[in-house]
């Protein structure tokens, strides 16, 4: 969130380049997102994301309205997600065929989500709990996690 707040976006200032280049990294002109249908599924998306990370750090997530994005001409495609949590692989959606202009549209939607408080910060402690619960329930195999995350879970 700090990158997005480098400039006063809440008052209409332009988004910093750091926010776009650090938080909106694309691969093959696509931005990876996870489907969340309601508040109860937030932990599911967080689990899918964090289980594939190399480090355990507080994360900020924003909620984008996929229906709205489709309505304004942004292309979405269901693709298998990169997560070791097998049952969540199909909850992944790429915002695809992105260009300079459409990436700007996504950035504007992120700013609006921040303004509308459609965001959530998930602390390291919460992430540890989410991962530990997934391991305990058998949804996630501890050895599928990166070494540094396994170490932090034990500490």
N, C-alpha and C. Protein backbone atom coordinates (compact mmCIF):
# COMPACT_ATOMS: atom_id res chain seq x y z
N UNK A 1 0.82 -1.19 0.00
CA UNK A 1 0.00 0.00 0.00
C UNK A 1 0.87 1.26 0.00
N UNK A 2 2.04 1.16 0.62
CA UNK A 2 2.92 2.34 0.69
C UNK A 2 3.27 2.87 -0.69
N UNK A 3 3.50 1.97 -1.63
CA UNK A 3 3.84 2.41 -2.99
C UNK A 3 2.69 3.19 -3.61
N UNK A 4 1.46 2.74 -3.35
CA UNK A 4 0.29 3.41 -3.91
C UNK A 4 0.06 4.76 -3.26
N UNK A 5 0.52 4.92 -2.03
CA UNK A 5 0.27 6.16 -1.30
C UNK A 5 1.47 7.12 -1.36
N UNK A 6 2.49 6.80 -2.17
CA UNK A 6 3.63 7.72 -2.32
C UNK A 6 3.15 9.10 -2.75
N UNK A 7 2.20 9.12 -3.64
CA UNK A 7 1.54 10.35 -4.05
C UNK A 7 0.15 10.33 -3.43
N UNK A 8 -0.43 11.48 -3.22
CA UNK A 8 -1.74 11.54 -2.57
C UNK A 8 -2.84 11.17 -3.56
N UNK A 9 -2.96 9.88 -3.83
CA UNK A 9 -3.96 9.41 -4.80
C UNK A 9 -5.38 9.64 -4.31
N UNK A 10 -5.56 9.71 -3.01
CA UNK A 10 -6.90 9.93 -2.46
C UNK A 10 -7.42 11.32 -2.81
N UNK A 11 -6.50 12.24 -3.08
CA UNK A 11 -6.88 13.60 -3.48
C UNK A 11 -6.79 13.81 -4.99
N UNK A 12 -6.53 12.73 -5.72
CA UNK A 12 -6.52 12.83 -7.17
C UNK A 12 -5.16 12.94 -7.81
N UNK A 13 -4.09 12.88 -7.02
CA UNK A 13 -2.75 12.90 -7.62
C UNK A 13 -2.51 11.62 -8.40
N UNK A 14 -1.59 11.69 -9.33
CA UNK A 14 -1.27 10.56 -10.20
C UNK A 14 -0.59 9.45 -9.40
N UNK A 15 -0.79 8.24 -9.83
CA UNK A 15 -0.17 7.06 -9.22
C UNK A 15 1.32 7.08 -9.51
N UNK A 16 2.13 6.73 -8.53
CA UNK A 16 3.58 6.68 -8.75
C UNK A 16 3.94 5.53 -9.67
N UNK A 17 5.02 5.70 -10.39
CA UNK A 17 5.50 4.63 -11.28
C UNK A 17 5.87 3.40 -10.46
N UNK A 18 6.40 3.60 -9.24
CA UNK A 18 6.78 2.46 -8.40
C UNK A 18 5.58 1.55 -8.10
N UNK A 19 4.41 2.16 -7.86
CA UNK A 19 3.23 1.36 -7.58
C UNK A 19 2.90 0.46 -8.77
N UNK A 20 2.98 1.03 -9.93
CA UNK A 20 2.64 0.27 -11.13
C UNK A 20 3.69 -0.78 -11.43
N UNK A 21 4.97 -0.42 -11.37
CA UNK A 21 6.01 -1.38 -11.75
C UNK A 21 6.26 -2.44 -10.68
N UNK A 22 6.02 -2.12 -9.41
CA UNK A 22 6.23 -3.10 -8.35
C UNK A 22 5.00 -3.96 -8.08
N UNK A 23 3.83 -3.38 -8.12
CA UNK A 23 2.63 -4.08 -7.70
C UNK A 23 1.82 -4.65 -8.85
N UNK A 24 2.09 -4.19 -10.04
CA UNK A 24 1.31 -4.64 -11.20
C UNK A 24 2.22 -5.31 -12.21
N UNK A 25 3.12 -6.15 -11.70
CA UNK A 25 4.02 -6.86 -12.60
C UNK A 25 3.22 -7.79 -13.50
N UNK A 26 3.44 -7.67 -14.76
CA UNK A 26 2.74 -8.52 -15.72
C UNK A 26 3.68 -9.59 -16.25
N UNK A 27 3.07 -10.63 -16.78
CA UNK A 27 3.81 -11.69 -17.43
C UNK A 27 3.03 -12.04 -18.69
N UNK A 28 3.67 -11.93 -19.83
CA UNK A 28 3.01 -12.16 -21.11
C UNK A 28 1.76 -11.28 -21.24
N UNK A 29 1.92 -10.02 -20.85
CA UNK A 29 0.85 -9.02 -20.93
C UNK A 29 -0.39 -9.40 -20.14
N UNK A 30 -0.19 -10.11 -19.03
CA UNK A 30 -1.31 -10.51 -18.17
C UNK A 30 -0.97 -10.22 -16.72
N UNK A 31 -2.00 -9.91 -15.96
CA UNK A 31 -1.89 -9.65 -14.54
C UNK A 31 -2.65 -10.75 -13.81
N UNK A 32 -1.98 -11.41 -12.91
CA UNK A 32 -2.55 -12.54 -12.18
C UNK A 32 -3.48 -12.07 -11.07
N UNK A 33 -4.70 -12.62 -11.03
CA UNK A 33 -5.65 -12.31 -9.96
C UNK A 33 -6.32 -13.59 -9.50
N UNK A 34 -7.00 -13.50 -8.37
CA UNK A 34 -7.71 -14.66 -7.82
C UNK A 34 -9.17 -14.29 -7.59
N UNK A 35 -10.05 -15.19 -7.97
CA UNK A 35 -11.49 -14.98 -7.85
C UNK A 35 -11.94 -15.04 -6.40
N UNK A 36 -12.66 -14.03 -5.98
CA UNK A 36 -13.26 -13.99 -4.66
C UNK A 36 -14.72 -13.58 -4.86
N UNK A 37 -15.64 -14.45 -4.46
CA UNK A 37 -17.06 -14.14 -4.64
C UNK A 37 -17.68 -13.44 -3.45
N UNK A 38 -17.05 -13.57 -2.29
CA UNK A 38 -17.58 -12.92 -1.08
C UNK A 38 -16.47 -12.82 -0.04
N UNK A 39 -16.78 -12.15 1.07
CA UNK A 39 -15.80 -11.93 2.14
C UNK A 39 -15.21 -13.22 2.68
N UNK A 40 -16.01 -14.27 2.72
CA UNK A 40 -15.54 -15.54 3.26
C UNK A 40 -14.43 -16.16 2.43
N UNK A 41 -14.33 -15.80 1.18
CA UNK A 41 -13.33 -16.39 0.30
C UNK A 41 -12.01 -15.63 0.28
N UNK A 42 -11.93 -14.53 1.03
CA UNK A 42 -10.69 -13.74 1.04
C UNK A 42 -9.52 -14.59 1.51
N UNK A 43 -9.71 -15.34 2.59
CA UNK A 43 -8.62 -16.19 3.10
C UNK A 43 -8.19 -17.22 2.07
N UNK A 44 -9.14 -17.69 1.26
CA UNK A 44 -8.81 -18.66 0.22
C UNK A 44 -7.86 -18.04 -0.81
N UNK A 45 -8.17 -16.84 -1.25
CA UNK A 45 -7.30 -16.17 -2.22
C UNK A 45 -5.94 -15.86 -1.61
N UNK A 46 -5.93 -15.42 -0.36
CA UNK A 46 -4.68 -15.13 0.32
C UNK A 46 -3.84 -16.40 0.44
N UNK A 47 -4.48 -17.50 0.79
CA UNK A 47 -3.78 -18.77 0.88
C UNK A 47 -3.17 -19.15 -0.47
N UNK A 48 -3.93 -19.03 -1.53
CA UNK A 48 -3.43 -19.36 -2.86
C UNK A 48 -2.21 -18.52 -3.22
N UNK A 49 -2.26 -17.24 -2.88
CA UNK A 49 -1.17 -16.33 -3.21
C UNK A 49 0.07 -16.62 -2.37
N UNK A 50 -0.09 -16.66 -1.06
CA UNK A 50 1.05 -16.75 -0.15
C UNK A 50 1.72 -18.12 -0.20
N UNK A 51 0.97 -19.15 -0.47
CA UNK A 51 1.56 -20.50 -0.52
C UNK A 51 2.61 -20.63 -1.62
N UNK A 52 2.57 -19.74 -2.60
CA UNK A 52 3.57 -19.81 -3.67
C UNK A 52 4.67 -18.76 -3.53
N UNK A 53 4.60 -17.92 -2.51
CA UNK A 53 5.63 -16.89 -2.30
C UNK A 53 6.93 -17.50 -1.76
N UNK A 54 8.00 -16.72 -1.89
CA UNK A 54 9.29 -17.13 -1.34
C UNK A 54 9.53 -16.55 0.04
N UNK A 55 8.80 -15.49 0.38
CA UNK A 55 8.99 -14.83 1.66
C UNK A 55 7.63 -14.60 2.32
N UNK A 56 7.65 -14.50 3.62
CA UNK A 56 6.42 -14.27 4.38
C UNK A 56 6.44 -12.84 4.90
N UNK A 57 5.72 -11.98 4.21
CA UNK A 57 5.63 -10.57 4.58
C UNK A 57 4.17 -10.13 4.51
N UNK A 58 3.84 -9.13 5.31
CA UNK A 58 2.51 -8.55 5.27
C UNK A 58 2.17 -8.20 3.82
N UNK A 59 0.94 -8.50 3.42
CA UNK A 59 0.51 -8.17 2.05
C UNK A 59 -0.74 -7.31 2.10
N UNK A 60 -0.90 -6.53 1.07
CA UNK A 60 -2.11 -5.75 0.87
C UNK A 60 -2.78 -6.27 -0.39
N UNK A 61 -4.08 -6.49 -0.29
CA UNK A 61 -4.83 -6.93 -1.46
C UNK A 61 -5.95 -5.93 -1.72
N UNK A 62 -6.30 -5.79 -2.98
CA UNK A 62 -7.43 -4.95 -3.36
C UNK A 62 -8.43 -5.81 -4.11
N UNK A 63 -9.68 -5.41 -4.02
CA UNK A 63 -10.74 -6.16 -4.66
C UNK A 63 -11.18 -5.43 -5.93
N UNK A 64 -11.03 -6.09 -7.05
CA UNK A 64 -11.45 -5.55 -8.33
C UNK A 64 -12.72 -6.26 -8.78
N UNK A 65 -13.60 -5.53 -9.38
CA UNK A 65 -14.86 -6.09 -9.86
C UNK A 65 -14.64 -6.64 -11.27
N UNK A 66 -14.50 -7.95 -11.37
CA UNK A 66 -14.23 -8.57 -12.67
C UNK A 66 -15.36 -8.31 -13.66
N UNK A 67 -16.62 -8.30 -13.19
CA UNK A 67 -17.74 -8.02 -14.09
C UNK A 67 -17.62 -6.62 -14.69
N UNK A 68 -17.26 -5.66 -13.86
CA UNK A 68 -17.07 -4.29 -14.35
C UNK A 68 -15.92 -4.23 -15.34
N UNK A 69 -14.81 -4.90 -15.03
CA UNK A 69 -13.68 -4.89 -15.95
C UNK A 69 -14.07 -5.46 -17.31
N UNK A 70 -14.82 -6.54 -17.30
CA UNK A 70 -15.30 -7.11 -18.57
C UNK A 70 -16.17 -6.12 -19.31
N UNK A 71 -17.05 -5.46 -18.59
CA UNK A 71 -17.99 -4.49 -19.17
C UNK A 71 -17.26 -3.36 -19.88
N UNK A 72 -16.12 -2.94 -19.35
CA UNK A 72 -15.39 -1.83 -19.97
C UNK A 72 -14.34 -2.31 -20.98
N UNK A 73 -14.39 -3.60 -21.31
CA UNK A 73 -13.54 -4.11 -22.39
C UNK A 73 -12.22 -4.71 -21.98
N UNK A 74 -12.03 -4.95 -20.69
CA UNK A 74 -10.81 -5.60 -20.23
C UNK A 74 -11.00 -7.12 -20.38
N UNK A 75 -10.00 -7.78 -20.94
CA UNK A 75 -10.09 -9.23 -21.18
C UNK A 75 -9.66 -10.03 -19.96
N UNK A 76 -10.50 -10.97 -19.58
CA UNK A 76 -10.21 -11.88 -18.47
C UNK A 76 -10.22 -13.31 -18.98
N UNK A 77 -9.32 -14.11 -18.43
CA UNK A 77 -9.25 -15.51 -18.85
C UNK A 77 -8.95 -16.38 -17.63
N UNK A 78 -9.77 -17.40 -17.43
CA UNK A 78 -9.49 -18.38 -16.37
C UNK A 78 -8.29 -19.19 -16.80
N UNK A 79 -7.28 -19.23 -15.93
CA UNK A 79 -6.08 -20.01 -16.19
C UNK A 79 -5.69 -20.72 -14.90
N UNK A 80 -5.01 -21.85 -14.98
CA UNK A 80 -4.57 -22.52 -13.75
C UNK A 80 -3.63 -21.61 -12.96
N UNK A 81 -3.92 -21.45 -11.67
CA UNK A 81 -3.10 -20.60 -10.82
C UNK A 81 -1.85 -21.29 -10.34
N UNK A 82 -0.82 -20.51 -10.09
CA UNK A 82 0.45 -21.02 -9.59
C UNK A 82 0.38 -21.05 -8.06
N UNK A 83 -0.14 -22.15 -7.53
CA UNK A 83 -0.24 -22.34 -6.09
C UNK A 83 -0.15 -23.83 -5.78
N UNK A 84 0.47 -24.18 -4.67
CA UNK A 84 0.51 -25.59 -4.28
C UNK A 84 -0.79 -26.07 -3.64
N UNK A 85 -1.76 -25.19 -3.46
CA UNK A 85 -3.05 -25.58 -2.89
C UNK A 85 -3.92 -26.04 -4.06
N UNK A 86 -3.93 -27.35 -4.28
CA UNK A 86 -4.53 -27.94 -5.48
C UNK A 86 -5.97 -27.50 -5.73
N UNK A 87 -6.79 -27.43 -4.66
CA UNK A 87 -8.21 -27.11 -4.85
C UNK A 87 -8.45 -25.65 -5.23
N UNK A 88 -7.42 -24.81 -5.16
CA UNK A 88 -7.59 -23.40 -5.49
C UNK A 88 -7.03 -23.04 -6.87
N UNK A 89 -6.38 -23.96 -7.51
CA UNK A 89 -5.75 -23.69 -8.80
C UNK A 89 -6.73 -23.10 -9.81
N UNK A 90 -7.97 -23.57 -9.80
CA UNK A 90 -8.94 -23.10 -10.79
C UNK A 90 -9.66 -21.81 -10.40
N UNK A 91 -9.27 -21.20 -9.28
CA UNK A 91 -9.85 -19.92 -8.87
C UNK A 91 -9.05 -18.74 -9.42
N UNK A 92 -8.15 -19.01 -10.32
CA UNK A 92 -7.25 -18.00 -10.85
C UNK A 92 -7.80 -17.39 -12.14
N UNK A 93 -7.63 -16.08 -12.25
CA UNK A 93 -8.07 -15.37 -13.46
C UNK A 93 -6.96 -14.40 -13.87
N UNK A 94 -6.55 -14.49 -15.12
CA UNK A 94 -5.60 -13.53 -15.66
C UNK A 94 -6.37 -12.37 -16.28
N UNK A 95 -5.95 -11.16 -15.94
CA UNK A 95 -6.40 -9.98 -16.68
C UNK A 95 -5.41 -9.91 -17.82
N UNK A 96 -5.88 -10.18 -19.03
CA UNK A 96 -4.94 -10.45 -20.12
C UNK A 96 -5.04 -9.47 -21.29
N UNK A 97 -4.11 -9.66 -22.21
CA UNK A 97 -3.98 -8.82 -23.40
C UNK A 97 -3.83 -7.35 -23.00
N UNK A 98 -3.07 -7.14 -21.92
CA UNK A 98 -2.88 -5.79 -21.42
C UNK A 98 -1.94 -4.98 -22.31
N UNK A 99 -2.25 -3.72 -22.40
CA UNK A 99 -1.43 -2.75 -23.12
C UNK A 99 -1.13 -1.60 -22.16
N UNK A 100 -0.38 -0.64 -22.64
CA UNK A 100 -0.10 0.56 -21.85
C UNK A 100 -1.40 1.19 -21.36
N UNK A 101 -2.36 1.36 -22.25
CA UNK A 101 -3.63 2.00 -21.89
C UNK A 101 -4.46 1.16 -20.94
N UNK A 102 -4.60 -0.13 -21.22
CA UNK A 102 -5.45 -0.96 -20.36
C UNK A 102 -4.81 -1.15 -18.97
N UNK A 103 -3.48 -1.13 -18.89
CA UNK A 103 -2.83 -1.20 -17.59
C UNK A 103 -3.16 0.05 -16.77
N UNK A 104 -3.25 1.17 -17.44
CA UNK A 104 -3.67 2.41 -16.79
C UNK A 104 -5.10 2.32 -16.28
N UNK A 105 -5.96 1.67 -17.04
CA UNK A 105 -7.35 1.47 -16.60
C UNK A 105 -7.38 0.61 -15.34
N UNK A 106 -6.57 -0.42 -15.30
CA UNK A 106 -6.50 -1.28 -14.11
C UNK A 106 -5.97 -0.46 -12.92
N UNK A 107 -4.95 0.35 -13.15
CA UNK A 107 -4.41 1.20 -12.08
C UNK A 107 -5.49 2.12 -11.54
N UNK A 108 -6.29 2.72 -12.42
CA UNK A 108 -7.39 3.59 -11.98
C UNK A 108 -8.40 2.80 -11.15
N UNK A 109 -8.66 1.56 -11.53
CA UNK A 109 -9.59 0.72 -10.77
C UNK A 109 -9.02 0.38 -9.40
N UNK A 110 -7.72 0.18 -9.33
CA UNK A 110 -7.08 -0.08 -8.04
C UNK A 110 -7.18 1.16 -7.15
N UNK A 111 -6.93 2.32 -7.71
CA UNK A 111 -7.06 3.56 -6.94
C UNK A 111 -8.49 3.70 -6.42
N UNK A 112 -9.47 3.43 -7.27
CA UNK A 112 -10.86 3.54 -6.84
C UNK A 112 -11.17 2.54 -5.73
N UNK A 113 -10.63 1.33 -5.85
CA UNK A 113 -10.84 0.32 -4.81
C UNK A 113 -10.23 0.79 -3.48
N UNK A 114 -9.08 1.42 -3.55
CA UNK A 114 -8.44 1.95 -2.34
C UNK A 114 -9.33 3.05 -1.74
N UNK A 115 -9.80 3.96 -2.59
CA UNK A 115 -10.68 5.04 -2.12
C UNK A 115 -11.96 4.49 -1.50
N UNK A 116 -12.49 3.42 -2.08
CA UNK A 116 -13.74 2.81 -1.60
C UNK A 116 -13.52 1.83 -0.46
N UNK A 117 -12.29 1.75 0.03
CA UNK A 117 -11.91 0.84 1.11
C UNK A 117 -12.18 -0.63 0.75
N UNK A 118 -11.97 -0.96 -0.51
CA UNK A 118 -12.10 -2.35 -0.97
C UNK A 118 -10.70 -2.95 -1.02
N UNK A 119 -10.12 -2.96 0.16
CA UNK A 119 -8.75 -3.46 0.30
C UNK A 119 -8.64 -4.13 1.65
N UNK A 120 -7.60 -4.93 1.77
CA UNK A 120 -7.38 -5.61 3.04
C UNK A 120 -5.89 -5.82 3.23
N UNK A 121 -5.42 -5.52 4.43
CA UNK A 121 -4.04 -5.80 4.80
C UNK A 121 -4.05 -7.11 5.57
N UNK A 122 -3.14 -8.01 5.21
CA UNK A 122 -3.02 -9.29 5.90
C UNK A 122 -1.60 -9.34 6.48
N UNK A 123 -1.54 -9.38 7.80
CA UNK A 123 -0.25 -9.33 8.49
C UNK A 123 0.48 -10.66 8.41
N UNK A 124 1.76 -10.62 8.76
CA UNK A 124 2.56 -11.86 8.81
C UNK A 124 1.93 -12.86 9.76
N UNK A 125 1.48 -12.39 10.91
CA UNK A 125 0.87 -13.28 11.89
C UNK A 125 -0.38 -13.96 11.29
N UNK A 126 -1.21 -13.19 10.60
CA UNK A 126 -2.40 -13.75 9.96
C UNK A 126 -2.02 -14.75 8.87
N UNK A 127 -0.98 -14.42 8.12
CA UNK A 127 -0.52 -15.32 7.06
C UNK A 127 -0.03 -16.64 7.65
N UNK A 128 0.71 -16.55 8.75
CA UNK A 128 1.17 -17.78 9.42
C UNK A 128 -0.02 -18.63 9.84
N UNK A 129 -1.04 -18.00 10.39
CA UNK A 129 -2.23 -18.73 10.82
C UNK A 129 -2.93 -19.38 9.63
N UNK A 130 -3.09 -18.65 8.55
CA UNK A 130 -3.75 -19.18 7.35
C UNK A 130 -2.98 -20.38 6.82
N UNK A 131 -1.66 -20.25 6.72
CA UNK A 131 -0.83 -21.35 6.21
C UNK A 131 -0.84 -22.54 7.17
N UNK A 132 -0.72 -22.28 8.45
CA UNK A 132 -0.71 -23.37 9.45
C UNK A 132 -2.03 -24.13 9.43
N UNK A 133 -3.14 -23.42 9.35
CA UNK A 133 -4.44 -24.08 9.29
C UNK A 133 -4.59 -24.93 8.04
N UNK A 134 -4.07 -24.44 6.93
CA UNK A 134 -4.13 -25.20 5.68
C UNK A 134 -3.29 -26.47 5.77
N UNK A 135 -2.14 -26.38 6.43
CA UNK A 135 -1.28 -27.55 6.61
C UNK A 135 -1.96 -28.55 7.54
N UNK A 136 -2.48 -28.06 8.66
CA UNK A 136 -3.14 -28.93 9.65
C UNK A 136 -4.35 -29.65 9.06
N UNK A 137 -5.06 -28.99 8.17
CA UNK A 137 -6.26 -29.60 7.58
C UNK A 137 -5.94 -30.49 6.38
N UNK A 138 -4.66 -30.51 5.97
CA UNK A 138 -4.27 -31.36 4.84
C UNK A 138 -4.48 -30.71 3.48
N UNK A 139 -4.85 -29.46 3.45
CA UNK A 139 -5.06 -28.77 2.18
C UNK A 139 -3.74 -28.35 1.53
N UNK A 140 -2.70 -28.25 2.35
CA UNK A 140 -1.40 -27.79 1.90
C UNK A 140 -0.33 -28.68 2.51
N UNK A 141 0.63 -29.08 1.70
CA UNK A 141 1.75 -29.89 2.18
C UNK A 141 2.88 -28.92 2.52
N UNK A 142 3.35 -29.00 3.76
CA UNK A 142 4.38 -28.07 4.23
C UNK A 142 5.60 -28.07 3.33
N UNK A 143 6.01 -29.21 2.83
CA UNK A 143 7.19 -29.30 1.97
C UNK A 143 7.00 -28.62 0.62
N UNK A 144 5.76 -28.26 0.27
CA UNK A 144 5.51 -27.53 -0.97
C UNK A 144 5.79 -26.04 -0.82
N UNK A 145 6.00 -25.60 0.42
CA UNK A 145 6.29 -24.20 0.68
C UNK A 145 7.79 -23.93 0.50
N UNK A 146 8.12 -22.70 0.17
CA UNK A 146 9.52 -22.29 0.05
C UNK A 146 10.19 -22.44 1.42
N UNK A 147 11.47 -22.78 1.41
CA UNK A 147 12.23 -23.00 2.65
C UNK A 147 12.09 -21.85 3.64
N UNK A 148 12.18 -20.61 3.15
CA UNK A 148 12.14 -19.48 4.07
C UNK A 148 10.79 -19.36 4.76
N UNK A 149 9.72 -19.72 4.09
CA UNK A 149 8.40 -19.68 4.71
C UNK A 149 8.26 -20.80 5.74
N UNK A 150 8.75 -21.98 5.39
CA UNK A 150 8.70 -23.09 6.36
C UNK A 150 9.45 -22.71 7.64
N UNK A 151 10.60 -22.07 7.49
CA UNK A 151 11.38 -21.63 8.65
C UNK A 151 10.59 -20.65 9.50
N UNK A 152 9.94 -19.69 8.87
CA UNK A 152 9.16 -18.68 9.62
C UNK A 152 7.93 -19.29 10.28
N UNK A 153 7.37 -20.32 9.69
CA UNK A 153 6.21 -20.98 10.31
C UNK A 153 6.60 -21.67 11.60
N UNK A 154 7.83 -22.14 11.66
CA UNK A 154 8.31 -22.87 12.85
C UNK A 154 8.76 -21.91 13.95
N UNK A 155 8.96 -20.66 13.62
CA UNK A 155 9.48 -19.71 14.63
C UNK A 155 8.37 -18.97 15.35
